[in-house]
Amino acid sequence: MLDTIHTFPVHAGQFQHYLRDRLDYSIALHEKMQKKSKPVYTYSEALQKLQDYRFNGYISPEAAEALLQRAIEPVGDDKYVFTMDQRMKLFINPIHDFHYIIETLKKAPVTCPVLIILGRASELQQMYMKPFTKVLGKYKNIQIKHVEGHHDVHNNNPEIVTPYVTKFLLQKKGKL
């Protein structure tokens, strides 16, 4: 898992606001998709959009360029559309807090090998996930590595994460 743990808790006091916000977003997204026409961009506009709307920090122009290659398709006249299914932006986390997450882990622990690489500059991950990573770090099959960088450290500076990923993938894992 590269700078991603998607079990962001929702405190009981935030339940109503969170659920209303997510449902409003769902309705707005549905209405937007009903128009059936995707926004069209020049290549440079698409590249700039990809760089400007990273919610987890900076992405280098080179890394953005690599991501863009799989994120757009030409529609003619040197114009492009993004190919990502917009519904991927919509997710509703289960409504629970850290206590519930930790109790669930105790009852149904993760049993497969897992490598989690977190960027130290990813404020959301560092702020919200500390209690969760503290519990996960006690499992022998889960490795948590903190590296210098933001969410896109694996795109911006792959040489930082490569040694950890390589070691993880090459380790002997059981009889399969």
N, C-alpha and C. Protein backbone atom coordinates (compact mmCIF):
# COMPACT_ATOMS: atom_id res chain seq x y z
N MET A 1 0.86 -1.16 0.00
CA MET A 1 0.00 0.00 0.00
C MET A 1 0.91 1.22 0.00
N LEU A 2 0.80 2.03 -1.03
CA LEU A 2 1.67 3.19 -1.15
C LEU A 2 0.93 4.44 -0.68
N ASP A 3 1.24 4.86 0.53
CA ASP A 3 0.67 6.04 1.15
C ASP A 3 -0.86 6.04 1.10
N THR A 4 -1.42 4.89 1.38
CA THR A 4 -2.88 4.79 1.36
C THR A 4 -3.35 3.85 2.44
N ILE A 5 -4.17 4.35 3.31
CA ILE A 5 -4.95 3.52 4.22
C ILE A 5 -6.32 4.18 4.24
N HIS A 6 -7.29 3.51 3.65
CA HIS A 6 -8.61 4.12 3.53
C HIS A 6 -9.59 3.58 4.56
N THR A 7 -9.31 3.83 5.80
CA THR A 7 -10.27 3.50 6.85
C THR A 7 -10.49 4.75 7.68
N PHE A 8 -10.55 5.90 7.01
CA PHE A 8 -10.73 7.14 7.74
C PHE A 8 -11.98 7.05 8.59
N PRO A 9 -11.82 7.22 9.86
CA PRO A 9 -12.97 7.11 10.75
C PRO A 9 -13.88 8.34 10.67
N VAL A 10 -15.11 8.13 11.00
CA VAL A 10 -16.06 9.22 11.10
C VAL A 10 -16.60 9.19 12.52
N HIS A 11 -16.29 10.21 13.26
CA HIS A 11 -16.73 10.29 14.65
C HIS A 11 -18.25 10.46 14.69
N ALA A 12 -18.87 9.94 15.71
CA ALA A 12 -20.33 10.01 15.84
C ALA A 12 -20.86 11.43 15.74
N GLY A 13 -20.10 12.40 16.26
CA GLY A 13 -20.53 13.80 16.20
C GLY A 13 -20.50 14.37 14.79
N GLN A 14 -19.78 13.74 13.88
CA GLN A 14 -19.68 14.21 12.50
C GLN A 14 -20.55 13.40 11.55
N PHE A 15 -21.22 12.40 12.06
CA PHE A 15 -21.99 11.48 11.23
C PHE A 15 -22.95 12.18 10.28
N GLN A 16 -23.80 13.03 10.81
CA GLN A 16 -24.82 13.68 9.98
C GLN A 16 -24.18 14.54 8.89
N HIS A 17 -23.21 15.36 9.24
CA HIS A 17 -22.54 16.22 8.26
C HIS A 17 -21.83 15.38 7.20
N TYR A 18 -21.09 14.36 7.64
CA TYR A 18 -20.34 13.51 6.70
C TYR A 18 -21.28 12.82 5.72
N LEU A 19 -22.31 12.19 6.22
CA LEU A 19 -23.22 11.44 5.34
C LEU A 19 -23.96 12.37 4.39
N ARG A 20 -24.41 13.53 4.87
CA ARG A 20 -25.09 14.48 4.00
C ARG A 20 -24.15 14.97 2.89
N ASP A 21 -22.92 15.27 3.26
CA ASP A 21 -21.93 15.73 2.29
C ASP A 21 -21.69 14.66 1.22
N ARG A 22 -21.51 13.43 1.63
CA ARG A 22 -21.23 12.33 0.69
C ARG A 22 -22.43 12.07 -0.22
N LEU A 23 -23.64 12.14 0.32
CA LEU A 23 -24.84 11.92 -0.49
C LEU A 23 -25.07 13.07 -1.46
N ASP A 24 -24.84 14.30 -1.01
CA ASP A 24 -24.94 15.46 -1.91
C ASP A 24 -23.94 15.34 -3.05
N TYR A 25 -22.73 14.91 -2.73
CA TYR A 25 -21.71 14.73 -3.76
C TYR A 25 -22.13 13.64 -4.74
N SER A 26 -22.72 12.58 -4.22
CA SER A 26 -23.18 11.49 -5.07
C SER A 26 -24.25 11.96 -6.06
N ILE A 27 -25.18 12.75 -5.58
CA ILE A 27 -26.25 13.28 -6.44
C ILE A 27 -25.66 14.22 -7.49
N ALA A 28 -24.77 15.11 -7.08
CA ALA A 28 -24.15 16.05 -8.01
C ALA A 28 -23.34 15.31 -9.07
N LEU A 29 -22.63 14.28 -8.67
CA LEU A 29 -21.84 13.49 -9.61
C LEU A 29 -22.74 12.76 -10.60
N HIS A 30 -23.83 12.22 -10.11
CA HIS A 30 -24.79 11.53 -10.99
C HIS A 30 -25.35 12.51 -12.03
N GLU A 31 -25.73 13.69 -11.58
CA GLU A 31 -26.28 14.70 -12.50
C GLU A 31 -25.23 15.12 -13.52
N LYS A 32 -24.00 15.28 -13.08
CA LYS A 32 -22.92 15.66 -13.98
C LYS A 32 -22.70 14.57 -15.05
N MET A 33 -22.76 13.32 -14.64
CA MET A 33 -22.53 12.21 -15.57
C MET A 33 -23.69 12.04 -16.55
N GLN A 34 -24.88 12.50 -16.18
CA GLN A 34 -26.03 12.40 -17.07
C GLN A 34 -25.87 13.29 -18.29
N LYS A 35 -25.06 14.33 -18.18
CA LYS A 35 -24.83 15.23 -19.31
C LYS A 35 -24.10 14.51 -20.44
N LYS A 36 -23.40 13.44 -20.11
CA LYS A 36 -22.73 12.57 -21.07
C LYS A 36 -21.67 13.26 -21.93
N SER A 37 -21.24 14.42 -21.57
CA SER A 37 -20.15 15.04 -22.31
C SER A 37 -19.03 15.36 -21.33
N LYS A 38 -17.89 14.79 -21.61
CA LYS A 38 -16.74 15.01 -20.74
C LYS A 38 -16.06 16.32 -21.13
N PRO A 39 -15.47 17.00 -20.16
CA PRO A 39 -14.70 18.20 -20.50
C PRO A 39 -13.52 17.83 -21.40
N VAL A 40 -13.20 18.71 -22.33
CA VAL A 40 -12.13 18.49 -23.29
C VAL A 40 -10.99 19.45 -22.97
N TYR A 41 -9.76 18.94 -23.05
CA TYR A 41 -8.58 19.73 -22.70
C TYR A 41 -7.50 19.58 -23.77
N THR A 42 -6.64 20.58 -23.86
CA THR A 42 -5.41 20.39 -24.62
C THR A 42 -4.51 19.52 -23.74
N TYR A 43 -3.44 19.01 -24.32
CA TYR A 43 -2.53 18.17 -23.54
C TYR A 43 -1.95 18.95 -22.36
N SER A 44 -1.53 20.17 -22.61
CA SER A 44 -0.92 20.97 -21.52
C SER A 44 -1.95 21.31 -20.45
N GLU A 45 -3.20 21.56 -20.83
CA GLU A 45 -4.25 21.84 -19.84
C GLU A 45 -4.51 20.60 -18.98
N ALA A 46 -4.55 19.43 -19.62
CA ALA A 46 -4.76 18.20 -18.88
C ALA A 46 -3.62 17.94 -17.90
N LEU A 47 -2.40 18.18 -18.35
CA LEU A 47 -1.23 18.00 -17.49
C LEU A 47 -1.30 18.95 -16.30
N GLN A 48 -1.64 20.19 -16.56
CA GLN A 48 -1.75 21.18 -15.48
C GLN A 48 -2.85 20.81 -14.50
N LYS A 49 -3.97 20.35 -15.00
CA LYS A 49 -5.09 19.94 -14.15
C LYS A 49 -4.67 18.78 -13.24
N LEU A 50 -3.96 17.83 -13.81
CA LEU A 50 -3.49 16.69 -13.02
C LEU A 50 -2.57 17.15 -11.90
N GLN A 51 -1.71 18.12 -12.19
CA GLN A 51 -0.80 18.62 -11.17
C GLN A 51 -1.51 19.49 -10.13
N ASP A 52 -2.45 20.31 -10.57
CA ASP A 52 -3.10 21.26 -9.66
C ASP A 52 -4.07 20.61 -8.68
N TYR A 53 -4.66 19.50 -9.05
CA TYR A 53 -5.73 18.93 -8.22
C TYR A 53 -5.30 17.69 -7.45
N ARG A 54 -4.03 17.59 -7.10
CA ARG A 54 -3.56 16.51 -6.23
C ARG A 54 -3.87 16.95 -4.82
N PHE A 55 -4.73 16.24 -4.14
CA PHE A 55 -5.12 16.67 -2.80
C PHE A 55 -4.12 16.23 -1.73
N ASN A 56 -3.14 15.43 -2.09
CA ASN A 56 -2.19 14.94 -1.11
C ASN A 56 -0.79 15.48 -1.29
N GLY A 57 -0.63 16.60 -1.93
CA GLY A 57 0.69 17.17 -2.07
C GLY A 57 1.14 17.32 -3.51
N TYR A 58 2.38 17.61 -3.64
CA TYR A 58 3.01 17.94 -4.91
C TYR A 58 3.32 16.69 -5.73
N ILE A 59 3.12 16.80 -7.04
CA ILE A 59 3.58 15.77 -7.97
C ILE A 59 4.45 16.46 -9.02
N SER A 60 5.59 15.88 -9.28
CA SER A 60 6.54 16.49 -10.21
C SER A 60 5.98 16.46 -11.63
N PRO A 61 6.43 17.37 -12.49
CA PRO A 61 5.96 17.35 -13.89
C PRO A 61 6.25 16.01 -14.58
N GLU A 62 7.39 15.40 -14.28
CA GLU A 62 7.74 14.11 -14.89
C GLU A 62 6.78 13.01 -14.44
N ALA A 63 6.49 12.98 -13.14
CA ALA A 63 5.56 11.96 -12.62
C ALA A 63 4.15 12.22 -13.13
N ALA A 64 3.75 13.47 -13.21
CA ALA A 64 2.42 13.81 -13.74
C ALA A 64 2.31 13.38 -15.20
N GLU A 65 3.38 13.58 -15.94
CA GLU A 65 3.41 13.18 -17.35
C GLU A 65 3.19 11.67 -17.47
N ALA A 66 3.85 10.89 -16.63
CA ALA A 66 3.70 9.43 -16.66
C ALA A 66 2.27 9.03 -16.31
N LEU A 67 1.69 9.66 -15.32
CA LEU A 67 0.30 9.36 -14.95
C LEU A 67 -0.67 9.75 -16.06
N LEU A 68 -0.38 10.87 -16.68
CA LEU A 68 -1.27 11.38 -17.72
C LEU A 68 -1.38 10.43 -18.90
N GLN A 69 -0.31 9.73 -19.20
CA GLN A 69 -0.30 8.81 -20.34
C GLN A 69 -1.40 7.76 -20.23
N ARG A 70 -1.74 7.36 -19.02
CA ARG A 70 -2.79 6.35 -18.85
C ARG A 70 -4.12 6.96 -18.40
N ALA A 71 -4.16 8.28 -18.29
CA ALA A 71 -5.36 8.93 -17.76
C ALA A 71 -6.18 9.68 -18.79
N ILE A 72 -5.65 9.81 -20.01
CA ILE A 72 -6.38 10.56 -21.04
C ILE A 72 -6.45 9.75 -22.34
N GLU A 73 -7.36 10.19 -23.20
CA GLU A 73 -7.41 9.63 -24.55
C GLU A 73 -7.73 10.76 -25.52
N PRO A 74 -7.18 10.69 -26.72
CA PRO A 74 -7.41 11.76 -27.70
C PRO A 74 -8.84 11.71 -28.24
N VAL A 75 -9.38 12.90 -28.52
CA VAL A 75 -10.72 12.98 -29.13
C VAL A 75 -10.68 13.77 -30.43
N GLY A 76 -9.47 14.07 -30.91
CA GLY A 76 -9.30 14.81 -32.16
C GLY A 76 -8.89 16.24 -31.93
N ASP A 77 -8.35 16.86 -32.97
CA ASP A 77 -7.93 18.27 -32.93
C ASP A 77 -6.99 18.57 -31.77
N ASP A 78 -6.09 17.64 -31.47
CA ASP A 78 -5.16 17.82 -30.34
C ASP A 78 -5.87 18.10 -29.02
N LYS A 79 -7.02 17.47 -28.83
CA LYS A 79 -7.79 17.60 -27.60
C LYS A 79 -7.91 16.23 -26.94
N TYR A 80 -8.09 16.25 -25.62
CA TYR A 80 -8.11 15.02 -24.83
C TYR A 80 -9.22 15.06 -23.78
N VAL A 81 -9.65 13.86 -23.37
CA VAL A 81 -10.56 13.73 -22.24
C VAL A 81 -9.92 12.78 -21.23
N PHE A 82 -10.25 12.98 -19.97
CA PHE A 82 -9.79 12.06 -18.93
C PHE A 82 -10.65 10.80 -19.00
N THR A 83 -10.02 9.65 -18.80
CA THR A 83 -10.71 8.37 -18.94
C THR A 83 -11.18 7.78 -17.62
N MET A 84 -10.76 8.35 -16.51
CA MET A 84 -11.12 7.79 -15.21
C MET A 84 -12.64 7.82 -15.00
N ASP A 85 -13.17 6.72 -14.54
CA ASP A 85 -14.58 6.66 -14.21
C ASP A 85 -14.81 7.56 -13.00
N GLN A 86 -15.60 8.57 -13.18
CA GLN A 86 -15.82 9.57 -12.13
C GLN A 86 -16.41 8.97 -10.85
N ARG A 87 -17.05 7.84 -10.98
CA ARG A 87 -17.63 7.20 -9.79
C ARG A 87 -16.55 6.72 -8.83
N MET A 88 -15.29 6.61 -9.32
CA MET A 88 -14.20 6.21 -8.44
C MET A 88 -13.91 7.27 -7.38
N LYS A 89 -14.35 8.49 -7.63
CA LYS A 89 -14.16 9.57 -6.66
C LYS A 89 -15.15 9.46 -5.50
N LEU A 90 -16.17 8.68 -5.71
CA LEU A 90 -17.24 8.58 -4.71
C LEU A 90 -17.04 7.36 -3.84
N PHE A 91 -16.78 7.58 -2.62
CA PHE A 91 -16.75 6.47 -1.67
C PHE A 91 -17.30 6.97 -0.36
N ILE A 92 -17.98 6.10 0.31
CA ILE A 92 -18.52 6.42 1.62
C ILE A 92 -17.88 5.44 2.59
N ASN A 93 -17.07 5.96 3.47
CA ASN A 93 -16.45 5.10 4.47
C ASN A 93 -17.51 4.59 5.43
N PRO A 94 -17.32 3.38 5.90
CA PRO A 94 -18.25 2.91 6.93
C PRO A 94 -18.24 3.92 8.09
N ILE A 95 -19.38 4.12 8.65
CA ILE A 95 -19.51 5.11 9.72
C ILE A 95 -19.08 4.46 11.04
N HIS A 96 -17.84 4.73 11.41
CA HIS A 96 -17.33 4.21 12.67
C HIS A 96 -16.10 5.00 13.10
N ASP A 97 -15.69 4.80 14.33
CA ASP A 97 -14.53 5.52 14.84
C ASP A 97 -13.34 4.55 14.99
N PHE A 98 -12.23 5.04 15.51
CA PHE A 98 -11.04 4.22 15.65
C PHE A 98 -11.26 3.02 16.57
N HIS A 99 -12.03 3.22 17.61
CA HIS A 99 -12.30 2.11 18.53
C HIS A 99 -12.91 0.93 17.78
N TYR A 100 -13.88 1.23 16.92
CA TYR A 100 -14.54 0.19 16.13
C TYR A 100 -13.56 -0.48 15.18
N ILE A 101 -12.71 0.30 14.53
CA ILE A 101 -11.71 -0.24 13.60
C ILE A 101 -10.77 -1.19 14.33
N ILE A 102 -10.29 -0.77 15.47
CA ILE A 102 -9.34 -1.58 16.23
C ILE A 102 -10.00 -2.86 16.75
N GLU A 103 -11.23 -2.75 17.21
CA GLU A 103 -11.95 -3.95 17.66
C GLU A 103 -12.19 -4.92 16.51
N THR A 104 -12.48 -4.39 15.33
CA THR A 104 -12.67 -5.24 14.15
C THR A 104 -11.38 -5.97 13.81
N LEU A 105 -10.25 -5.27 13.88
CA LEU A 105 -8.95 -5.90 13.62
C LEU A 105 -8.65 -7.02 14.61
N LYS A 106 -9.07 -6.84 15.85
CA LYS A 106 -8.85 -7.88 16.85
C LYS A 106 -9.69 -9.12 16.54
N LYS A 107 -10.91 -8.91 16.08
CA LYS A 107 -11.82 -10.02 15.79
C LYS A 107 -11.51 -10.69 14.45
N ALA A 108 -11.06 -9.90 13.48
CA ALA A 108 -10.75 -10.42 12.14
C ALA A 108 -9.41 -9.85 11.68
N PRO A 109 -8.33 -10.37 12.22
CA PRO A 109 -7.02 -9.80 11.90
C PRO A 109 -6.61 -10.06 10.45
N VAL A 110 -5.78 -9.16 9.95
CA VAL A 110 -5.21 -9.31 8.61
C VAL A 110 -4.18 -10.44 8.70
N THR A 111 -4.27 -11.42 7.79
CA THR A 111 -3.37 -12.57 7.88
C THR A 111 -2.37 -12.65 6.73
N CYS A 112 -2.59 -11.92 5.65
CA CYS A 112 -1.66 -11.97 4.53
C CYS A 112 -0.52 -10.98 4.76
N PRO A 113 0.60 -11.17 4.08
CA PRO A 113 1.69 -10.20 4.19
C PRO A 113 1.27 -8.85 3.60
N VAL A 114 1.60 -7.79 4.29
CA VAL A 114 1.23 -6.44 3.84
C VAL A 114 2.41 -5.51 4.07
N LEU A 115 2.69 -4.70 3.05
CA LEU A 115 3.68 -3.64 3.18
C LEU A 115 2.95 -2.32 3.02
N ILE A 116 3.10 -1.46 3.99
CA ILE A 116 2.49 -0.13 3.95
C ILE A 116 3.63 0.88 3.95
N ILE A 117 3.70 1.70 2.91
CA ILE A 117 4.71 2.75 2.84
C ILE A 117 3.98 4.09 2.94
N LEU A 118 4.31 4.86 3.96
CA LEU A 118 3.65 6.14 4.20
C LEU A 118 4.65 7.29 4.07
N GLY A 119 4.25 8.33 3.37
CA GLY A 119 5.07 9.52 3.26
C GLY A 119 4.98 10.34 4.53
N ARG A 120 6.11 10.70 5.10
CA ARG A 120 6.11 11.49 6.33
C ARG A 120 5.44 12.85 6.16
N ALA A 121 5.45 13.38 4.94
CA ALA A 121 4.86 14.69 4.70
C ALA A 121 3.37 14.60 4.35
N SER A 122 2.80 13.40 4.34
CA SER A 122 1.37 13.23 4.07
C SER A 122 0.61 13.48 5.37
N GLU A 123 0.19 14.70 5.56
CA GLU A 123 -0.41 15.09 6.82
C GLU A 123 -1.64 14.27 7.19
N LEU A 124 -2.51 14.01 6.20
CA LEU A 124 -3.71 13.22 6.50
C LEU A 124 -3.36 11.85 7.03
N GLN A 125 -2.45 11.17 6.35
CA GLN A 125 -2.08 9.83 6.79
C GLN A 125 -1.43 9.88 8.18
N GLN A 126 -0.53 10.82 8.38
CA GLN A 126 0.18 10.90 9.65
C GLN A 126 -0.75 11.29 10.79
N MET A 127 -1.66 12.22 10.52
CA MET A 127 -2.53 12.72 11.58
C MET A 127 -3.62 11.71 11.94
N TYR A 128 -4.30 11.20 10.93
CA TYR A 128 -5.45 10.35 11.20
C TYR A 128 -5.11 8.88 11.43
N MET A 129 -4.02 8.43 10.88
CA MET A 129 -3.74 7.00 10.89
C MET A 129 -2.80 6.53 11.99
N LYS A 130 -2.28 7.44 12.81
CA LYS A 130 -1.33 7.02 13.85
C LYS A 130 -1.88 5.92 14.76
N PRO A 131 -3.08 6.06 15.31
CA PRO A 131 -3.59 4.97 16.17
C PRO A 131 -3.74 3.65 15.41
N PHE A 132 -4.14 3.75 14.16
CA PHE A 132 -4.35 2.56 13.34
C PHE A 132 -3.02 1.88 13.01
N THR A 133 -2.02 2.67 12.60
CA THR A 133 -0.73 2.08 12.26
C THR A 133 -0.03 1.54 13.51
N LYS A 134 -0.33 2.12 14.65
CA LYS A 134 0.24 1.61 15.90
C LYS A 134 -0.25 0.19 16.16
N VAL A 135 -1.51 -0.06 15.91
CA VAL A 135 -2.07 -1.40 16.08
C VAL A 135 -1.55 -2.34 15.00
N LEU A 136 -1.57 -1.89 13.74
CA LEU A 136 -1.10 -2.73 12.64
C LEU A 136 0.36 -3.10 12.80
N GLY A 137 1.14 -2.20 13.34
CA GLY A 137 2.57 -2.44 13.52
C GLY A 137 2.89 -3.58 14.46
N LYS A 138 1.93 -4.03 15.24
CA LYS A 138 2.13 -5.15 16.17
C LYS A 138 2.03 -6.51 15.47
N TYR A 139 1.47 -6.52 14.26
CA TYR A 139 1.32 -7.78 13.52
C TYR A 139 2.64 -8.14 12.86
N LYS A 140 3.05 -9.41 12.95
CA LYS A 140 4.30 -9.86 12.35
C LYS A 140 4.25 -9.83 10.83
N ASN A 141 3.07 -9.98 10.25
CA ASN A 141 2.93 -10.04 8.79
C ASN A 141 2.74 -8.67 8.15
N ILE A 142 2.71 -7.62 8.95
CA ILE A 142 2.50 -6.27 8.41
C ILE A 142 3.74 -5.43 8.67
N GLN A 143 4.28 -4.89 7.59
CA GLN A 143 5.43 -4.00 7.68
C GLN A 143 4.97 -2.59 7.36
N ILE A 144 5.35 -1.64 8.20
CA ILE A 144 5.02 -0.24 7.96
C ILE A 144 6.33 0.53 7.86
N LYS A 145 6.51 1.20 6.74
CA LYS A 145 7.71 1.99 6.51
C LYS A 145 7.31 3.44 6.28
N HIS A 146 7.99 4.34 6.94
CA HIS A 146 7.79 5.77 6.76
C HIS A 146 8.96 6.31 5.95
N VAL A 147 8.66 7.01 4.88
CA VAL A 147 9.70 7.56 4.01
C VAL A 147 9.50 9.06 3.86
N GLU A 148 10.56 9.74 3.43
CA GLU A 148 10.46 11.17 3.19
C GLU A 148 9.66 11.40 1.91
N GLY A 149 8.67 12.28 1.99
CA GLY A 149 7.88 12.61 0.82
C GLY A 149 6.40 12.71 1.12
N HIS A 150 5.66 13.11 0.09
CA HIS A 150 4.21 13.24 0.16
C HIS A 150 3.56 11.97 -0.38
N HIS A 151 2.27 12.06 -0.63
CA HIS A 151 1.49 10.94 -1.16
C HIS A 151 2.10 10.38 -2.44
N ASP A 152 2.60 11.22 -3.30
CA ASP A 152 3.14 10.77 -4.58
C ASP A 152 4.63 10.48 -4.54
N VAL A 153 5.18 10.16 -3.38
CA VAL A 153 6.61 9.87 -3.29
C VAL A 153 6.99 8.73 -4.24
N HIS A 154 6.14 7.76 -4.41
CA HIS A 154 6.45 6.63 -5.30
C HIS A 154 6.48 7.07 -6.77
N ASN A 155 5.78 8.15 -7.10
CA ASN A 155 5.82 8.70 -8.46
C ASN A 155 6.97 9.70 -8.61
N ASN A 156 7.11 10.58 -7.63
CA ASN A 156 8.13 11.62 -7.70
C ASN A 156 9.54 11.07 -7.50
N ASN A 157 9.69 10.17 -6.56
CA ASN A 157 11.01 9.62 -6.22
C ASN A 157 10.91 8.11 -6.00
N PRO A 158 10.71 7.35 -7.07
CA PRO A 158 10.55 5.90 -6.90
C PRO A 158 11.75 5.23 -6.24
N GLU A 159 12.91 5.83 -6.37
CA GLU A 159 14.11 5.23 -5.76
C GLU A 159 14.02 5.17 -4.24
N ILE A 160 13.15 5.97 -3.64
CA ILE A 160 12.98 5.94 -2.19
C ILE A 160 12.19 4.70 -1.76
N VAL A 161 11.17 4.33 -2.52
CA VAL A 161 10.32 3.20 -2.13
C VAL A 161 10.78 1.87 -2.73
N THR A 162 11.54 1.92 -3.82
CA THR A 162 11.94 0.70 -4.52
C THR A 162 12.61 -0.34 -3.62
N PRO A 163 13.56 0.03 -2.76
CA PRO A 163 14.20 -1.00 -1.92
C PRO A 163 13.20 -1.75 -1.03
N TYR A 164 12.23 -1.03 -0.48
CA TYR A 164 11.24 -1.66 0.40
C TYR A 164 10.32 -2.60 -0.39
N VAL A 165 9.86 -2.13 -1.54
CA VAL A 165 8.95 -2.93 -2.37
C VAL A 165 9.68 -4.18 -2.87
N THR A 166 10.91 -4.01 -3.34
CA THR A 166 11.68 -5.14 -3.85
C THR A 166 11.90 -6.19 -2.77
N LYS A 167 12.33 -5.75 -1.61
CA LYS A 167 12.56 -6.69 -0.50
C LYS A 167 11.26 -7.41 -0.13
N PHE A 168 10.16 -6.69 -0.09
CA PHE A 168 8.87 -7.28 0.26
C PHE A 168 8.45 -8.33 -0.77
N LEU A 169 8.57 -8.00 -2.05
CA LEU A 169 8.15 -8.92 -3.10
C LEU A 169 9.05 -10.15 -3.21
N LEU A 170 10.30 -10.03 -2.82
CA LEU A 170 11.23 -11.14 -2.93
C LEU A 170 11.32 -12.02 -1.69
N GLN A 171 10.66 -11.61 -0.61
CA GLN A 171 10.75 -12.41 0.60
C GLN A 171 9.97 -13.72 0.43
N LYS A 172 10.46 -14.74 1.06
CA LYS A 172 9.80 -16.04 1.00
C LYS A 172 8.51 -15.96 1.81
N LYS A 173 7.43 -16.45 1.21
CA LYS A 173 6.13 -16.30 1.84
C LYS A 173 5.45 -17.65 2.03
N GLY A 174 5.71 -18.56 2.59
CA GLY A 174 4.89 -19.76 2.75
C GLY A 174 4.96 -20.72 1.57
N LYS A 175 4.02 -21.63 1.49
CA LYS A 175 4.07 -22.76 0.55
C LYS A 175 3.44 -22.47 -0.80
N LEU A 176 2.78 -21.38 -0.97
CA LEU A 176 2.15 -21.09 -2.28
C LEU A 176 3.20 -20.73 -3.21
